[in-house]
Amino acid sequence: MESQHLINVGLGISSAVFGWLARELWTAVKDLKEDLSRLSVELPKTYVTRDDYRSDLKEIKDMLGKIFDRLENKADK
């Protein structure tokens, strides 16, 4: 009877530790999911998308090209 009691106590303690670890992991995963969803909402507000950056850079290059063309065609050169 004594050995059965020790086995029951050992299984009870190991089950409690396993349950605590499982709960901690569950909470951590839940927090990570919330952080990821919040990040996906806030990210477009903070950073410029690649397509927007490329289109803006193309406009700047076109404007600089026009300025250089006017400077090269200047009469008092």
N, C-alpha and C. Protein backbone atom coordinates (compact mmCIF):
# COMPACT_ATOMS: atom_id res chain seq x y z
N MET A 1 0.82 -1.20 0.00
CA MET A 1 0.00 0.00 0.00
C MET A 1 0.86 1.26 0.00
N GLU A 2 1.99 1.18 0.67
CA GLU A 2 2.87 2.35 0.75
C GLU A 2 3.42 2.74 -0.63
N SER A 3 3.81 1.76 -1.43
CA SER A 3 4.36 2.07 -2.75
C SER A 3 3.27 2.65 -3.67
N GLN A 4 2.07 2.18 -3.54
CA GLN A 4 0.97 2.73 -4.34
C GLN A 4 0.70 4.18 -3.96
N HIS A 5 0.81 4.48 -2.70
CA HIS A 5 0.61 5.86 -2.22
C HIS A 5 1.71 6.78 -2.80
N LEU A 6 2.95 6.30 -2.81
CA LEU A 6 4.04 7.10 -3.37
C LEU A 6 3.86 7.31 -4.88
N ILE A 7 3.41 6.28 -5.56
CA ILE A 7 3.17 6.42 -7.00
C ILE A 7 2.05 7.43 -7.26
N ASN A 8 0.99 7.37 -6.48
CA ASN A 8 -0.11 8.33 -6.64
C ASN A 8 0.33 9.76 -6.36
N VAL A 9 1.13 9.94 -5.33
CA VAL A 9 1.64 11.29 -5.01
C VAL A 9 2.56 11.77 -6.12
N GLY A 10 3.44 10.90 -6.61
CA GLY A 10 4.35 11.27 -7.70
C GLY A 10 3.60 11.63 -8.97
N LEU A 11 2.59 10.84 -9.32
CA LEU A 11 1.79 11.15 -10.50
C LEU A 11 1.00 12.44 -10.31
N GLY A 12 0.51 12.66 -9.10
CA GLY A 12 -0.23 13.89 -8.83
C GLY A 12 0.65 15.12 -8.98
N ILE A 13 1.86 15.05 -8.44
CA ILE A 13 2.79 16.19 -8.54
C ILE A 13 3.21 16.41 -9.98
N SER A 14 3.53 15.32 -10.70
CA SER A 14 3.94 15.48 -12.10
C SER A 14 2.78 16.00 -12.95
N SER A 15 1.56 15.57 -12.65
CA SER A 15 0.39 16.10 -13.38
C SER A 15 0.19 17.58 -13.11
N ALA A 16 0.42 17.98 -11.85
CA ALA A 16 0.27 19.40 -11.51
C ALA A 16 1.32 20.24 -12.23
N VAL A 17 2.55 19.76 -12.28
CA VAL A 17 3.62 20.49 -12.97
C VAL A 17 3.32 20.56 -14.47
N PHE A 18 2.89 19.45 -15.04
CA PHE A 18 2.55 19.43 -16.46
C PHE A 18 1.39 20.38 -16.75
N GLY A 19 0.39 20.39 -15.90
CA GLY A 19 -0.74 21.29 -16.08
C GLY A 19 -0.33 22.75 -16.00
N TRP A 20 0.55 23.07 -15.06
CA TRP A 20 1.04 24.44 -14.93
C TRP A 20 1.82 24.86 -16.18
N LEU A 21 2.70 23.96 -16.67
CA LEU A 21 3.47 24.26 -17.89
C LEU A 21 2.55 24.45 -19.09
N ALA A 22 1.55 23.59 -19.20
CA ALA A 22 0.61 23.71 -20.32
C ALA A 22 -0.15 25.03 -20.26
N ARG A 23 -0.55 25.44 -19.07
CA ARG A 23 -1.27 26.71 -18.92
C ARG A 23 -0.37 27.89 -19.28
N GLU A 24 0.89 27.85 -18.85
CA GLU A 24 1.84 28.92 -19.18
C GLU A 24 2.08 29.00 -20.68
N LEU A 25 2.24 27.86 -21.32
CA LEU A 25 2.43 27.86 -22.78
C LEU A 25 1.19 28.37 -23.50
N TRP A 26 0.02 27.98 -23.04
CA TRP A 26 -1.23 28.44 -23.64
C TRP A 26 -1.34 29.95 -23.53
N THR A 27 -1.01 30.50 -22.37
CA THR A 27 -1.07 31.95 -22.18
C THR A 27 -0.05 32.67 -23.06
N ALA A 28 1.15 32.09 -23.18
CA ALA A 28 2.18 32.72 -24.01
C ALA A 28 1.77 32.73 -25.48
N VAL A 29 1.20 31.65 -25.96
CA VAL A 29 0.75 31.58 -27.35
C VAL A 29 -0.39 32.58 -27.58
N LYS A 30 -1.28 32.68 -26.62
CA LYS A 30 -2.40 33.63 -26.73
C LYS A 30 -1.88 35.06 -26.80
N ASP A 31 -0.91 35.39 -25.96
CA ASP A 31 -0.32 36.74 -25.98
C ASP A 31 0.39 37.01 -27.30
N LEU A 32 1.10 36.01 -27.81
CA LEU A 32 1.79 36.18 -29.09
C LEU A 32 0.80 36.42 -30.23
N LYS A 33 -0.31 35.71 -30.21
CA LYS A 33 -1.32 35.92 -31.25
C LYS A 33 -1.89 37.33 -31.18
N GLU A 34 -2.13 37.82 -29.97
CA GLU A 34 -2.64 39.19 -29.82
C GLU A 34 -1.62 40.21 -30.30
N ASP A 35 -0.34 40.00 -29.96
CA ASP A 35 0.71 40.91 -30.41
C ASP A 35 0.83 40.90 -31.93
N LEU A 36 0.72 39.73 -32.52
CA LEU A 36 0.83 39.63 -33.98
C LEU A 36 -0.34 40.32 -34.67
N SER A 37 -1.53 40.17 -34.14
CA SER A 37 -2.68 40.84 -34.76
C SER A 37 -2.58 42.35 -34.59
N ARG A 38 -2.10 42.80 -33.44
CA ARG A 38 -1.92 44.24 -33.23
C ARG A 38 -0.83 44.79 -34.14
N LEU A 39 0.24 44.01 -34.33
CA LEU A 39 1.32 44.43 -35.22
C LEU A 39 0.84 44.53 -36.66
N SER A 40 0.02 43.58 -37.09
CA SER A 40 -0.45 43.61 -38.47
C SER A 40 -1.38 44.80 -38.72
N VAL A 41 -2.01 45.31 -37.67
CA VAL A 41 -2.86 46.49 -37.82
C VAL A 41 -2.01 47.76 -37.81
N GLU A 42 -1.01 47.82 -36.95
CA GLU A 42 -0.20 49.03 -36.78
C GLU A 42 0.92 49.17 -37.80
N LEU A 43 1.35 48.08 -38.39
CA LEU A 43 2.50 48.12 -39.30
C LEU A 43 2.29 49.02 -40.51
N PRO A 44 1.14 48.97 -41.17
CA PRO A 44 0.98 49.87 -42.32
C PRO A 44 0.96 51.35 -41.95
N LYS A 45 0.67 51.67 -40.71
CA LYS A 45 0.67 53.07 -40.29
C LYS A 45 2.08 53.59 -40.08
N THR A 46 3.02 52.70 -39.78
CA THR A 46 4.37 53.11 -39.43
C THR A 46 5.32 53.08 -40.62
N TYR A 47 5.21 52.05 -41.44
CA TYR A 47 6.17 51.86 -42.51
C TYR A 47 5.51 52.06 -43.87
N VAL A 48 6.33 52.42 -44.85
CA VAL A 48 5.86 52.62 -46.21
C VAL A 48 5.98 51.29 -46.95
N THR A 49 4.97 50.98 -47.74
CA THR A 49 5.05 49.75 -48.51
C THR A 49 6.06 49.91 -49.63
N ARG A 50 6.54 48.81 -50.14
CA ARG A 50 7.57 48.83 -51.17
C ARG A 50 7.05 49.46 -52.46
N ASP A 51 5.81 49.18 -52.83
CA ASP A 51 5.25 49.75 -54.06
C ASP A 51 5.09 51.26 -53.94
N ASP A 52 4.64 51.73 -52.78
CA ASP A 52 4.52 53.18 -52.59
C ASP A 52 5.88 53.85 -52.67
N TYR A 53 6.89 53.24 -52.07
CA TYR A 53 8.23 53.80 -52.09
C TYR A 53 8.76 53.87 -53.52
N ARG A 54 8.54 52.81 -54.29
CA ARG A 54 9.03 52.79 -55.67
C ARG A 54 8.33 53.84 -56.52
N SER A 55 7.03 54.01 -56.34
CA SER A 55 6.31 55.00 -57.14
C SER A 55 6.74 56.42 -56.77
N ASP A 56 6.95 56.67 -55.48
CA ASP A 56 7.42 57.99 -55.05
C ASP A 56 8.82 58.27 -55.56
N LEU A 57 9.67 57.28 -55.50
CA LEU A 57 11.04 57.45 -55.98
C LEU A 57 11.06 57.68 -57.49
N LYS A 58 10.18 57.03 -58.22
CA LYS A 58 10.09 57.24 -59.67
C LYS A 58 9.67 58.67 -59.98
N GLU A 59 8.72 59.20 -59.22
CA GLU A 59 8.30 60.59 -59.43
C GLU A 59 9.45 61.55 -59.19
N ILE A 60 10.23 61.30 -58.15
CA ILE A 60 11.37 62.18 -57.84
C ILE A 60 12.41 62.09 -58.96
N LYS A 61 12.67 60.89 -59.45
CA LYS A 61 13.64 60.74 -60.54
C LYS A 61 13.15 61.43 -61.80
N ASP A 62 11.87 61.37 -62.08
CA ASP A 62 11.31 62.06 -63.26
C ASP A 62 11.47 63.58 -63.12
N MET A 63 11.20 64.09 -61.92
CA MET A 63 11.35 65.54 -61.70
C MET A 63 12.80 65.96 -61.84
N LEU A 64 13.72 65.17 -61.30
CA LEU A 64 15.13 65.50 -61.44
C LEU A 64 15.57 65.43 -62.90
N GLY A 65 15.04 64.49 -63.65
CA GLY A 65 15.36 64.40 -65.07
C GLY A 65 14.91 65.64 -65.82
N LYS A 66 13.72 66.14 -65.50
CA LYS A 66 13.23 67.36 -66.14
C LYS A 66 14.10 68.56 -65.78
N ILE A 67 14.53 68.63 -64.54
CA ILE A 67 15.40 69.74 -64.12
C ILE A 67 16.73 69.68 -64.86
N PHE A 68 17.32 68.50 -64.96
CA PHE A 68 18.59 68.37 -65.67
C PHE A 68 18.43 68.69 -67.15
N ASP A 69 17.31 68.30 -67.76
CA ASP A 69 17.07 68.63 -69.16
C ASP A 69 16.99 70.13 -69.36
N ARG A 70 16.32 70.82 -68.47
CA ARG A 70 16.22 72.28 -68.58
C ARG A 70 17.58 72.94 -68.40
N LEU A 71 18.39 72.41 -67.47
CA LEU A 71 19.72 72.98 -67.27
C LEU A 71 20.60 72.78 -68.50
N GLU A 72 20.49 71.64 -69.15
CA GLU A 72 21.31 71.39 -70.34
C GLU A 72 20.86 72.23 -71.53
N ASN A 73 19.59 72.58 -71.59
CA ASN A 73 19.08 73.37 -72.71
C ASN A 73 19.10 74.86 -72.42
N LYS A 74 19.72 75.25 -71.35
CA LYS A 74 19.76 76.66 -70.98
C LYS A 74 20.57 77.43 -72.04
N ALA A 75 20.14 78.63 -72.40
CA ALA A 75 20.72 79.39 -73.51
C ALA A 75 22.09 79.96 -73.18
N ASP A 76 22.32 80.42 -71.97
CA ASP A 76 23.59 81.09 -71.65
C ASP A 76 24.66 80.08 -71.16
N LYS A 77 24.62 78.94 -71.68
CA LYS A 77 25.55 77.89 -71.30
C LYS A 77 26.93 78.13 -71.78
